[in-house]
Protein backbone atom coordinates (compact mmCIF):
# COMPACT_ATOMS: atom_id res chain seq x y z
CA MET A 1 -33.22 -0.49 31.20
CA ASN A 2 -32.45 -1.23 34.83
CA THR A 3 -34.26 1.37 36.96
CA THR A 4 -34.22 -0.37 40.30
CA SER A 5 -32.64 2.52 42.13
CA ALA A 6 -35.07 5.00 40.56
CA ARG A 7 -38.11 2.95 41.60
CA ALA A 8 -36.80 2.71 45.13
CA GLY A 9 -36.54 6.47 45.32
CA MET A 10 -32.77 6.33 45.55
CA PRO A 11 -30.40 8.54 43.57
CA ALA A 12 -28.51 6.96 40.68
CA SER A 13 -25.18 5.45 41.59
CA SER A 14 -22.75 8.10 40.45
CA GLY A 15 -19.66 7.60 42.54
CA THR A 16 -16.34 7.78 40.77
CA GLY A 17 -15.53 4.42 39.25
CA ALA A 18 -18.95 2.97 40.17
CA ASP A 19 -21.27 0.81 38.09
CA ILE A 20 -24.35 2.93 37.34
CA ALA A 21 -27.69 1.12 37.43
CA ASP A 22 -30.02 3.99 36.52
CA TRP A 23 -29.14 5.97 33.39
CA ARG A 24 -31.73 8.18 31.63
CA PRO A 25 -29.94 10.84 29.56
CA GLU A 26 -33.11 11.71 27.59
CA ASP A 27 -34.83 12.64 30.88
CA GLU A 28 -34.05 16.36 31.13
CA GLN A 29 -34.39 16.49 34.92
CA PHE A 30 -32.10 13.47 35.37
CA TRP A 31 -29.61 14.92 32.88
CA ALA A 32 -29.45 18.29 34.60
CA SER A 33 -29.18 16.92 38.14
CA THR A 34 -26.93 13.89 37.65
CA GLY A 35 -26.32 12.74 34.09
CA LYS A 36 -24.47 15.74 32.69
CA ARG A 37 -21.74 15.68 35.33
CA ILE A 38 -21.11 11.94 34.96
CA ALA A 39 -21.23 11.99 31.16
CA TYR A 40 -18.72 14.82 30.82
CA ARG A 41 -16.37 13.26 33.38
CA ASN A 42 -16.27 10.10 31.27
CA LEU A 43 -15.82 12.18 28.12
CA TRP A 44 -12.85 14.17 29.50
CA LEU A 45 -11.10 10.93 30.47
CA SER A 46 -12.01 9.22 27.21
CA ILE A 47 -10.40 11.92 25.08
CA PRO A 48 -6.77 11.61 26.28
CA ALA A 49 -7.05 7.81 26.28
CA LEU A 50 -8.19 7.91 22.66
CA LEU A 51 -5.47 10.46 21.85
CA CYS A 52 -2.79 8.03 23.04
CA GLY A 53 -4.42 5.25 21.03
CA PHE A 54 -4.17 7.31 17.84
CA ALA A 55 -0.59 8.28 18.67
CA VAL A 56 0.62 4.69 19.11
CA TRP A 57 -1.30 3.51 16.06
CA GLY A 58 -0.12 6.30 13.78
CA MET A 59 3.49 6.56 14.96
CA TRP A 60 4.82 4.42 12.11
CA GLY A 61 4.09 7.23 9.64
CA ILE A 62 6.82 9.28 11.36
CA ILE A 63 9.07 6.40 12.41
CA THR A 64 9.46 5.21 8.80
CA VAL A 65 10.62 8.65 7.69
CA GLN A 66 13.28 8.69 10.40
CA MET A 67 14.32 5.11 9.61
CA LEU A 68 14.98 6.34 6.07
CA ASN A 69 16.94 9.32 7.41
CA LEU A 70 19.03 7.06 9.68
CA GLY A 71 19.88 4.63 6.91
CA PHE A 72 17.98 1.57 8.10
CA PRO A 73 18.62 -1.15 5.47
CA PHE A 74 15.09 -1.19 4.02
CA SER A 75 13.73 0.09 0.71
CA GLN A 76 11.06 2.80 0.42
CA ALA A 77 8.53 0.14 -0.58
CA GLU A 78 9.37 -1.94 2.52
CA LEU A 79 8.96 1.11 4.75
CA PHE A 80 5.55 1.82 3.21
CA THR A 81 4.52 -1.70 4.29
CA LEU A 82 5.06 -0.75 7.94
CA THR A 83 2.49 2.06 7.82
CA ALA A 84 0.15 -0.19 5.82
CA ILE A 85 0.45 -3.06 8.33
CA ALA A 86 -0.28 -0.75 11.26
CA GLY A 87 -3.24 0.56 9.29
CA ILE A 88 -4.85 -2.76 8.50
CA SER A 89 -4.21 -4.12 11.99
CA GLY A 90 -5.90 -1.12 13.60
CA ALA A 91 -8.83 -1.38 11.21
CA THR A 92 -9.33 -5.09 11.91
CA MET A 93 -9.06 -4.53 15.67
CA ARG A 94 -11.99 -2.12 15.45
CA ILE A 95 -14.35 -4.91 14.45
CA PRO A 96 -14.24 -6.70 17.84
CA ALA A 97 -13.70 -3.36 19.61
CA SER A 98 -17.12 -2.18 18.44
CA PHE A 99 -18.70 -4.99 20.51
CA LEU A 100 -16.63 -4.62 23.67
CA ILE A 101 -18.67 -1.99 25.55
CA ARG A 102 -21.82 -4.12 25.60
CA MET A 103 -19.87 -7.21 26.60
CA ALA A 104 -17.40 -5.85 29.13
CA GLY A 105 -18.48 -2.34 30.18
CA GLY A 106 -17.09 1.10 29.35
CA ARG A 107 -14.81 1.58 32.34
CA ASN A 108 -13.35 -1.93 32.06
CA THR A 109 -12.79 -1.63 28.33
CA ILE A 110 -11.21 1.83 28.21
CA PHE A 111 -8.90 1.04 31.13
CA LEU A 112 -7.58 -2.24 29.73
CA THR A 113 -7.28 -1.19 26.09
CA THR A 114 -5.38 1.93 27.16
CA ALA A 115 -3.01 -0.13 29.33
CA MET A 116 -2.52 -2.54 26.42
CA LEU A 117 -0.81 0.24 24.46
CA LEU A 118 2.22 -0.06 26.74
CA ALA A 119 3.25 -3.30 25.00
CA PRO A 120 3.68 -1.95 21.43
CA ALA A 121 5.15 1.31 22.77
CA VAL A 122 7.91 -0.47 24.69
CA GLY A 123 8.39 -3.16 22.02
CA THR A 124 8.85 -0.55 19.30
CA GLY A 125 11.38 1.33 21.41
CA VAL A 126 13.43 -1.84 21.86
CA ALA A 127 13.29 -2.84 18.18
CA LEU A 128 14.33 0.61 16.92
CA GLN A 129 17.63 0.28 18.78
CA HIS A 130 18.56 -2.58 16.43
CA PRO A 131 18.62 -1.52 12.76
CA GLU A 132 20.30 -4.84 11.96
CA TRP A 133 17.20 -6.80 12.97
CA PRO A 134 15.13 -8.25 10.08
CA LEU A 135 12.16 -6.44 8.57
CA TRP A 136 9.64 -8.87 10.07
CA VAL A 137 10.46 -7.65 13.59
CA PHE A 138 9.42 -4.10 12.70
CA GLN A 139 6.40 -5.43 10.84
CA LEU A 140 5.38 -7.31 13.99
CA MET A 141 5.65 -4.11 16.05
CA ALA A 142 3.56 -2.25 13.45
CA LEU A 143 0.95 -5.02 13.64
CA TRP A 144 0.90 -4.78 17.45
CA SER A 145 0.45 -1.01 17.26
CA GLY A 146 -2.95 -1.67 15.70
CA VAL A 147 -4.32 -2.03 19.23
CA GLY A 148 -4.33 1.77 19.34
CA GLY A 149 -6.41 1.95 16.18
CA GLY A 150 -8.95 -0.51 17.55
CA ASN A 151 -9.53 1.64 20.62
CA PHE A 152 -11.42 4.26 18.60
CA ALA A 153 -14.40 1.97 18.02
CA SER A 154 -14.83 1.10 21.70
CA SER A 155 -14.28 4.70 22.76
CA MET A 156 -16.94 6.11 20.44
CA SER A 157 -19.37 3.32 21.24
CA ASN A 158 -18.89 4.06 24.94
CA ILE A 159 -19.38 7.83 24.76
CA SER A 160 -22.49 7.46 22.59
CA THR A 161 -24.23 5.70 25.49
CA PHE A 162 -23.71 8.58 27.92
CA PHE A 163 -25.25 11.50 26.01
CA PRO A 164 -28.80 12.37 24.87
CA LYS A 165 -29.47 12.36 21.14
CA ARG A 166 -29.58 16.15 20.94
CA LEU A 167 -25.92 16.26 22.03
CA GLN A 168 -24.63 13.25 20.11
CA GLY A 169 -22.95 15.28 17.38
CA THR A 170 -21.19 17.58 19.82
CA ALA A 171 -20.11 14.86 22.27
CA LEU A 172 -18.89 12.43 19.62
CA GLY A 173 -17.26 15.29 17.74
CA LEU A 174 -15.32 16.29 20.86
CA ASN A 175 -14.29 12.72 21.64
CA ALA A 176 -13.23 11.90 18.10
CA GLY A 177 -11.91 15.34 17.19
CA LEU A 178 -9.75 15.88 20.27
CA GLY A 179 -8.85 12.18 20.26
CA ASN A 180 -7.71 12.57 16.67
CA PHE A 181 -5.19 15.09 17.95
CA GLY A 182 -3.20 11.98 18.82
CA VAL A 183 -2.06 11.97 15.19
CA THR A 184 -0.90 15.58 15.41
CA THR A 185 0.53 15.12 18.91
CA MET A 186 2.51 12.13 17.70
CA GLN A 187 3.82 14.02 14.66
CA ILE A 188 5.03 16.86 16.89
CA VAL A 189 6.21 14.90 19.93
CA ILE A 190 8.13 12.10 18.21
CA PRO A 191 10.55 14.34 16.24
CA LEU A 192 11.09 16.33 19.45
CA VAL A 193 11.80 13.41 21.80
CA MET A 194 14.16 11.86 19.26
CA THR A 195 16.50 14.84 19.74
CA VAL A 196 17.16 14.11 23.44
CA SER A 197 18.17 11.22 25.67
CA LEU A 198 14.74 11.07 27.26
CA PHE A 199 15.58 8.41 29.84
CA GLY A 200 19.32 9.01 30.07
CA TRP A 201 19.04 10.32 33.61
CA LEU A 202 17.79 6.86 34.62
CA GLY A 203 20.55 5.08 32.77
CA LEU A 204 17.90 3.73 30.36
CA GLY A 205 16.89 4.38 26.78
CA GLY A 206 19.92 3.17 24.82
CA GLU A 207 22.47 4.92 22.65
CA PRO A 208 21.75 7.43 19.87
CA MET A 209 22.22 6.86 16.14
CA VAL A 210 23.55 9.46 13.71
CA LEU A 211 21.43 10.90 10.92
CA VAL A 212 22.78 10.13 7.45
CA LYS A 213 20.21 12.45 5.84
CA ASP A 214 18.70 15.73 6.94
CA SER A 215 15.69 15.33 9.19
CA GLY A 216 13.44 17.90 10.84
CA TRP A 217 10.83 18.88 13.37
CA ILE A 218 8.16 21.59 13.53
CA PHE A 219 10.74 24.38 13.78
CA GLY A 220 12.84 23.37 10.79
CA LYS A 221 15.55 21.03 9.58
CA ILE A 222 17.88 18.88 11.62
CA LYS A 223 21.18 18.41 9.82
CA ALA A 224 22.73 15.08 8.89
CA GLY A 225 25.29 13.98 11.48
CA THR A 226 23.03 14.90 14.43
CA PRO A 227 22.66 12.25 17.20
CA THR A 228 19.11 10.85 17.25
CA TRP A 229 17.31 8.63 19.77
CA ILE A 230 14.75 7.07 17.42
CA GLN A 231 13.80 4.55 20.13
CA ASN A 232 12.09 7.38 22.04
CA ALA A 233 9.35 7.27 19.38
CA GLY A 234 8.05 4.27 21.31
CA PHE A 235 9.34 4.81 24.83
CA ALA A 236 7.91 8.35 25.16
CA TRP A 237 4.31 7.12 25.38
CA VAL A 238 4.99 5.19 28.59
CA LEU A 239 5.08 8.54 30.43
CA SER A 240 1.42 9.23 29.61
CA LEU A 241 -0.04 5.72 29.35
CA LEU A 242 0.77 4.65 32.92
CA PRO A 243 -1.00 7.49 34.76
CA LEU A 244 -3.76 7.70 32.18
CA SER A 245 -4.67 4.04 32.61
CA LEU A 246 -5.07 4.57 36.34
CA LEU A 247 -7.21 7.68 35.83
CA CYS A 248 -9.53 5.73 33.53
CA TRP A 249 -9.91 2.98 36.11
CA PHE A 250 -10.72 5.29 39.00
CA GLY A 251 -12.69 7.93 37.07
CA MET A 252 -14.84 6.18 34.47
CA ASN A 253 -18.10 4.22 34.77
CA ASN A 254 -19.84 1.10 33.52
CA LEU A 255 -23.52 1.56 32.64
CA LYS A 256 -25.61 -1.40 33.80
CA SER A 257 -28.34 -0.52 31.29
CA VAL A 258 -25.81 -0.98 28.48
CA THR A 259 -23.82 -3.87 29.96
CA PRO A 260 -26.06 -5.79 32.36
CA LYS A 261 -23.82 -8.88 32.44
CA ALA A 262 -20.24 -7.61 32.31
CA GLY A 263 -19.24 -9.83 35.23
CA SER A 264 -16.32 -9.08 37.52
CA PRO A 265 -13.47 -6.89 36.21
CA ILE A 266 -11.33 -10.02 35.71
CA THR A 267 -14.11 -11.63 33.66
CA ALA A 268 -14.47 -8.45 31.60
CA PHE A 269 -10.71 -8.27 31.02
CA LEU A 270 -10.66 -11.86 29.80
CA LYS A 271 -13.46 -11.12 27.31
CA ILE A 272 -11.58 -8.09 25.97
CA THR A 273 -8.25 -9.91 25.70
CA TYR A 274 -9.89 -12.90 24.03
CA LEU A 275 -11.69 -10.85 21.36
CA TYR A 276 -8.66 -8.64 20.67
CA SER A 277 -6.45 -11.72 20.33
CA LEU A 278 -8.91 -13.21 17.83
CA ALA A 279 -8.63 -10.08 15.68
CA PHE A 280 -4.93 -10.69 15.05
CA ILE A 281 -5.66 -14.04 13.37
CA PRO A 282 -7.32 -12.68 10.19
CA SER A 283 -4.88 -9.74 10.05
CA ILE A 284 -1.84 -11.99 10.13
CA GLY A 285 -3.37 -14.43 7.65
CA MET A 286 -4.38 -11.75 5.17
CA LEU A 287 -1.04 -9.95 5.41
CA TYR A 288 0.80 -13.21 4.80
CA LEU A 289 -1.22 -13.74 1.62
CA TYR A 290 -0.91 -10.08 0.55
CA LEU A 291 2.66 -9.00 1.36
CA PRO A 292 5.40 -9.94 -1.12
CA ALA A 293 8.26 -12.29 -0.30
CA PRO A 294 10.19 -12.68 1.91
CA THR A 295 7.50 -11.58 4.42
CA GLY A 296 4.53 -13.19 2.69
CA LEU A 297 3.36 -14.97 -0.44
CA GLY A 298 2.20 -11.96 -2.46
CA LEU A 299 -0.84 -13.81 -3.80
CA LEU A 300 -3.64 -11.30 -3.21
CA ASN A 301 -4.57 -7.95 -4.69
CA MET A 302 -5.35 -5.30 -2.05
CA TRP A 303 -8.99 -5.06 -3.17
CA VAL A 304 -9.37 -8.79 -2.59
CA ALA A 305 -7.36 -8.84 0.62
CA ILE A 306 -9.42 -6.21 2.48
CA PRO A 307 -12.87 -7.80 2.01
CA LEU A 308 -11.40 -11.18 2.92
CA ASP A 309 -9.92 -9.68 6.07
CA ILE A 310 -13.26 -8.15 7.10
CA ILE A 311 -15.20 -11.35 6.36
CA ALA A 312 -12.63 -13.45 8.20
CA ALA A 313 -12.69 -11.14 11.25
CA LEU A 314 -16.50 -11.32 11.45
CA ALA A 315 -16.46 -15.10 10.95
CA VAL A 316 -13.85 -15.62 13.66
CA MET A 317 -15.92 -13.56 16.10
CA ARG A 318 -19.12 -15.39 15.24
CA LEU A 319 -17.60 -18.86 15.45
CA ALA A 320 -15.24 -18.34 18.39
CA ALA A 321 -17.72 -16.57 20.68
CA PHE A 322 -19.22 -18.82 23.33
CA GLY A 323 -21.83 -18.71 26.09
CA GLU A 324 -23.29 -15.28 26.79
CA MET A 325 -20.70 -13.73 24.48
CA ARG A 326 -22.20 -15.62 21.51
CA GLU A 327 -25.65 -14.15 22.20
CA ASN A 328 -24.23 -10.63 22.44
CA VAL A 329 -22.44 -11.04 19.12
CA ARG A 330 -25.60 -12.43 17.50
CA LYS A 331 -27.68 -9.46 18.65
CA GLN A 332 -25.17 -6.92 17.44
CA PHE A 333 -24.85 -8.60 14.04
CA ALA A 334 -28.43 -7.36 13.50
CA ILE A 335 -26.99 -4.02 12.32
CA PHE A 336 -26.01 -5.68 9.04
CA SER A 337 -29.64 -6.13 8.01
CA ASN A 338 -30.18 -2.37 8.09
CA LYS A 339 -29.39 -0.67 4.76
CA HIS A 340 -28.39 2.53 6.57
CA THR A 341 -25.50 0.68 8.18
CA TRP A 342 -24.03 0.29 4.71
CA SER A 343 -24.74 3.80 3.45
CA MET A 344 -23.24 5.38 6.57
CA THR A 345 -20.24 3.06 6.30
CA ALA A 346 -19.47 4.38 2.80
CA LEU A 347 -19.90 7.99 3.94
CA TYR A 348 -17.64 7.49 6.92
CA VAL A 349 -14.95 6.06 4.64
CA VAL A 350 -15.04 9.43 2.84
CA THR A 351 -14.42 11.32 6.06
CA PHE A 352 -12.45 9.33 8.62
CA GLY A 353 -10.98 6.96 6.03
CA SER A 354 -9.47 9.95 4.26
CA PHE A 355 -8.29 11.57 7.48
CA ILE A 356 -6.41 8.56 8.81
CA GLY A 357 -5.22 7.38 5.39
CA PHE A 358 -3.66 10.70 4.50
CA SER A 359 -2.24 11.03 8.03
CA MET A 360 -0.43 7.71 7.62
CA ALA A 361 0.81 8.33 4.08
CA LEU A 362 1.63 12.05 4.08
CA PRO A 363 5.04 12.09 5.85
CA LEU A 364 6.63 9.45 3.63
CA ALA A 365 4.89 10.83 0.52
CA ILE A 366 6.40 14.29 1.15
CA THR A 367 9.83 12.72 1.62
CA VAL A 368 9.67 10.60 -1.54
CA ILE A 369 7.97 13.07 -3.92
CA PHE A 370 9.52 16.37 -2.84
CA GLY A 371 12.79 15.05 -1.40
CA PHE A 372 14.31 14.12 -4.76
CA GLN A 373 14.99 15.90 -8.03
CA HIS A 374 13.10 14.29 -10.90
CA ILE A 375 15.47 14.57 -13.84
CA PRO A 376 15.41 12.71 -17.20
CA ASP A 377 18.41 10.61 -18.15
CA ALA A 378 20.04 10.52 -21.60
CA ALA A 379 17.17 8.40 -22.93
CA GLY A 380 14.57 10.84 -21.61
CA VAL A 381 13.43 8.55 -18.76
CA LEU A 382 12.76 10.38 -15.48
CA GLN A 383 15.11 9.44 -12.63
CA HIS A 384 14.16 9.93 -8.98
CA THR A 385 17.36 9.20 -7.11
CA LEU A 386 19.15 12.58 -6.86
CA LYS A 387 18.58 14.20 -3.46
CA ASN A 388 16.83 17.58 -3.58
CA PRO A 389 18.89 20.11 -1.56
CA ASN A 390 15.85 22.36 -1.20
CA ALA A 391 13.47 19.63 -0.09
CA PRO A 392 10.89 20.46 2.60
CA SER A 393 11.17 18.28 5.70
CA ALA A 394 8.19 15.98 6.16
CA LEU A 395 8.62 16.18 9.93
CA THR A 396 8.27 19.96 9.76
CA TYR A 397 5.03 20.06 7.78
CA ALA A 398 3.20 16.71 7.97
CA TRP A 399 1.51 17.52 11.31
CA ILE A 400 -0.40 20.53 9.94
CA GLY A 401 -3.05 18.60 8.01
CA PRO A 402 -4.03 16.22 10.83
CA PHE A 403 -4.01 19.15 13.26
CA VAL A 404 -6.53 21.07 11.17
CA GLY A 405 -8.65 17.97 10.56
CA ALA A 406 -8.85 17.17 14.27
CA ALA A 407 -9.45 20.80 15.28
CA VAL A 408 -12.49 21.27 13.06
CA ARG A 409 -14.12 17.93 13.89
CA PRO A 410 -16.05 19.22 16.93
CA ILE A 411 -17.16 22.16 14.78
CA GLY A 412 -18.56 19.70 12.25
CA GLY A 413 -20.56 17.99 14.98
CA TRP A 414 -21.84 21.29 16.36
CA ILE A 415 -22.92 22.64 12.95
CA SER A 416 -24.59 19.32 12.15
CA ASP A 417 -26.59 19.47 15.38
CA LYS A 418 -27.90 22.84 14.14
CA VAL A 419 -28.55 22.27 10.41
CA GLY A 420 -28.51 18.49 9.96
CA GLY A 421 -25.70 16.04 9.32
CA SER A 422 -26.37 15.10 5.70
CA ILE A 423 -26.33 18.70 4.44
CA VAL A 424 -22.88 19.14 5.97
CA THR A 425 -21.72 15.80 4.54
CA GLN A 426 -22.90 16.85 1.06
CA VAL A 427 -20.95 20.11 1.13
CA ILE A 428 -17.71 18.58 2.34
CA SER A 429 -17.96 15.73 -0.18
CA ALA A 430 -18.13 18.26 -3.02
CA VAL A 431 -15.09 20.08 -1.60
CA MET A 432 -13.15 16.82 -1.36
CA VAL A 433 -13.91 15.89 -4.99
CA ALA A 434 -12.42 19.17 -6.20
CA ALA A 435 -9.47 19.23 -3.78
CA SER A 436 -8.43 15.64 -4.44
CA ALA A 437 -8.44 16.16 -8.22
CA ALA A 438 -6.38 19.32 -7.74
CA VAL A 439 -3.83 17.48 -5.54
CA GLY A 440 -3.45 14.91 -8.29
CA TYR A 441 -2.66 17.61 -10.84
CA VAL A 442 -0.09 19.28 -8.55
CA LEU A 443 1.62 15.95 -7.86
CA MET A 444 1.87 15.28 -11.58
CA GLN A 445 3.65 18.60 -11.97
CA ALA A 446 5.96 18.00 -8.99
CA TYR A 447 6.93 14.45 -9.98
CA GLY A 448 8.04 15.64 -13.39
CA SER A 449 10.09 18.56 -12.11
CA ALA A 450 13.75 19.01 -11.20
CA THR A 451 12.56 21.55 -8.60
CA PRO A 452 9.51 19.89 -7.02
CA GLU A 453 9.67 22.17 -3.98
CA GLN A 454 8.10 24.92 -6.12
CA HIS A 455 4.86 22.94 -6.07
CA PHE A 456 4.98 22.15 -2.37
CA PRO A 457 3.04 25.19 -1.04
CA MET A 458 0.09 24.44 -3.34
CA PHE A 459 0.26 20.74 -2.44
CA MET A 460 0.20 21.45 1.30
CA GLY A 461 -2.59 24.00 0.96
CA LEU A 462 -4.79 21.52 -0.88
CA MET A 463 -3.95 18.72 1.56
CA VAL A 464 -4.92 20.96 4.49
CA LEU A 465 -8.22 21.65 2.71
CA LEU A 466 -8.78 17.88 2.33
CA PHE A 467 -8.01 17.34 6.01
CA ALA A 468 -10.35 20.19 7.04
CA ALA A 469 -13.22 18.84 4.94
CA SER A 470 -12.70 15.30 6.24
CA GLY A 471 -12.64 16.61 9.82
CA VAL A 472 -15.93 18.48 9.46
CA GLY A 473 -17.41 15.39 7.78
CA ASN A 474 -16.30 13.20 10.66
CA GLY A 475 -18.56 15.19 12.95
CA SER A 476 -21.50 15.25 10.53
CA THR A 477 -21.52 11.51 9.81
CA PHE A 478 -21.34 10.58 13.48
CA ARG A 479 -24.23 12.93 14.17
CA SER A 480 -26.25 11.20 11.46
CA VAL A 481 -25.58 7.77 12.98
CA GLY A 482 -26.82 9.00 16.36
CA VAL A 483 -30.10 10.15 14.80
CA ILE A 484 -30.73 7.25 12.39
CA PHE A 485 -30.16 4.39 14.86
CA ASP A 486 -31.63 3.70 18.28
CA ARG A 487 -29.44 3.70 21.39
CA GLN A 488 -28.88 -0.07 21.30
CA GLN A 489 -27.70 -0.10 17.68
CA ALA A 490 -25.93 3.26 17.46
CA GLY A 491 -22.87 2.05 19.39
CA PRO A 492 -22.22 -1.05 17.28
CA VAL A 493 -22.88 0.93 14.07
CA LEU A 494 -20.42 3.62 15.16
CA GLY A 495 -17.86 0.93 15.84
CA TRP A 496 -18.50 -0.91 12.57
CA THR A 497 -18.37 2.19 10.35
CA SER A 498 -15.18 3.35 12.04
CA ALA A 499 -13.67 -0.12 11.54
CA VAL A 500 -14.28 -0.17 7.80
CA ALA A 501 -13.20 3.46 7.42
CA ALA A 502 -9.98 2.71 9.26
CA TYR A 503 -8.89 0.56 6.32
CA GLY A 504 -8.08 3.92 4.77
CA ALA A 505 -4.93 3.75 6.89
CA PHE A 506 -3.97 0.71 4.81
CA ILE A 507 -5.36 1.74 1.42
CA ALA A 508 -3.87 5.25 1.19
CA PRO A 509 -0.22 4.31 1.92
CA VAL A 510 -0.44 1.31 -0.41
CA LEU A 511 -2.11 3.17 -3.28
CA ILE A 512 0.12 6.22 -3.02
CA GLY A 513 3.22 4.02 -2.67
CA GLN A 514 2.24 1.94 -5.70
CA GLN A 515 1.55 4.97 -7.85
CA VAL A 516 4.78 6.71 -6.80
CA LYS A 517 6.65 3.56 -7.78
CA ALA A 518 4.84 3.57 -11.14
CA GLY A 519 5.72 7.24 -11.66
CA THR A 520 2.08 8.39 -11.57
CA PRO A 521 1.28 9.60 -8.01
CA GLN A 522 -1.56 11.71 -9.40
CA THR A 523 -3.55 8.59 -10.28
CA ALA A 524 -4.13 7.76 -6.61
CA PHE A 525 -5.75 11.14 -5.96
CA TYR A 526 -7.81 11.05 -9.14
CA GLY A 527 -9.15 7.72 -7.88
CA PHE A 528 -9.99 9.24 -4.50
CA ALA A 529 -11.89 12.05 -6.28
CA VAL A 530 -14.02 9.54 -8.20
CA PHE A 531 -14.88 7.70 -4.98
CA TYR A 532 -15.86 10.94 -3.24
CA ALA A 533 -18.13 11.82 -6.17
CA VAL A 534 -19.91 8.45 -5.95
CA CYS A 535 -20.50 8.92 -2.21
CA LEU A 536 -21.79 12.45 -2.78
CA VAL A 537 -24.55 10.94 -4.95
CA LEU A 538 -25.13 8.21 -2.34
CA ASN A 539 -25.63 10.77 0.43
CA TRP A 540 -28.10 12.75 -1.69
CA TRP A 541 -30.08 9.62 -2.62
CA PHE A 542 -30.49 8.29 0.91
CA TYR A 543 -30.81 11.49 2.95
CA LEU A 544 -31.41 14.66 0.90
CA ARG A 545 -33.61 13.92 -2.13
CA LEU A 546 -37.36 14.40 -2.08
CA GLY A 547 -38.93 11.23 -0.73
CA ALA A 548 -35.86 10.14 1.25
CA GLU A 549 -36.82 7.69 4.00
CA ILE A 550 -34.82 9.67 6.59
CA LYS A 551 -34.44 13.34 5.73
CA ASN A 552 -31.17 15.11 6.64
CA PRO A 553 -30.34 13.18 9.83
């Protein structure tokens, strides 16, 4: 650690936007006099930046529903690919993002990655004004939106360096939990801004389209025939991203003890841009091999495609890094020799993987499963094409689950700081096993019913329970990482676990979409329940049994 200023008897550099040479959060006197104020300032700026990242990343879950309501010429399966592409792109982007803080500095990274969100926001707004454009254009915008998903890894890695271990669960829970409100904010804001000509007073923003199916927002249905500015789903984020980027630049800090060789801001920006650009290479390659024609070749199974994508992303980083960057990558790859990296990765898939996966899939799943009457034809084969006049609107209800999950995340961190992270993780894993199996049973009933809306209250109640459990578990697993790993490894481990867990944003829409197409949506949730049960045993074995190497971190 660089303590030059401390040895010289000078106060730590703590000016707004300054590089800080002396940082000792475990020193109680330093923390009380200087550290606490700086750490919380960085946290309060990090949260809205992360919120916007989640919003831009997750917006395709809502956009696809409205594309269906507006009659865009794409099938349900093609629309599911948009949420899946955004999911896998964001997950892959987290792999390099987990290394950025130690290469480029916290202030530099959060500023630039927040400003980068302007590109997919504006690009999506432009594309949505042209329903006649080919599917690959929208898939490209979904891919680009993954930048927002990647930002989570760098944000959590950054905040972990500012706080003492005793406050890791609370600080990371606040950052992630309130940042996760980006999903809820997006699900509330997008349906709202699509009802108005947001930029009409400037002569910008384009013309509205007319709904061909009923839509909705948090206060109820919006009838077919209503003018809708779907392009505002992208354009609206410009209003927050521009000022927020500037606030991050002038209000956040780089820690010299964490990033001793960040270089000038321009050098740091080039490192960030280079590594983020590299991340698109494996994503594009894997998606080309995975997606069916005409977009791709359709050669790979999802369970083959995801490991290949992860391996390719790591290989690209290892091979393409040069100079000082290569040494940084080599040092941070050391986390993979620690068995706890792998156990915590699996446990974080249970929590955050479920949260983001269900957030991505829920709006379209509600529309497809509860929006149609499931009636047998003359041969007794169920048909799913007749519109359900009593269908609940996905845009009215889908935000509730992510809202609850994000709201309880700081509570999970706080409780875990008091009683231990692994105990909390064990309890929520058991809840998720039961709730996921129950959701599967309810979906089986709904998908075989001419009046599926009767099963909707039970479905939503169970989904909210799943979101709540995953939110509490988000806080508990991050607390455990902060205790198990030292300060140098905790950041990269946080980034890595969040990267792998983010593939839930790809897996859940794909699995649920495949099983809906097969007529067995319950199978997806039965599979989730089995996975949660396996991880419950894993958590007990590593952290709760007698003789565990690390007891209840």
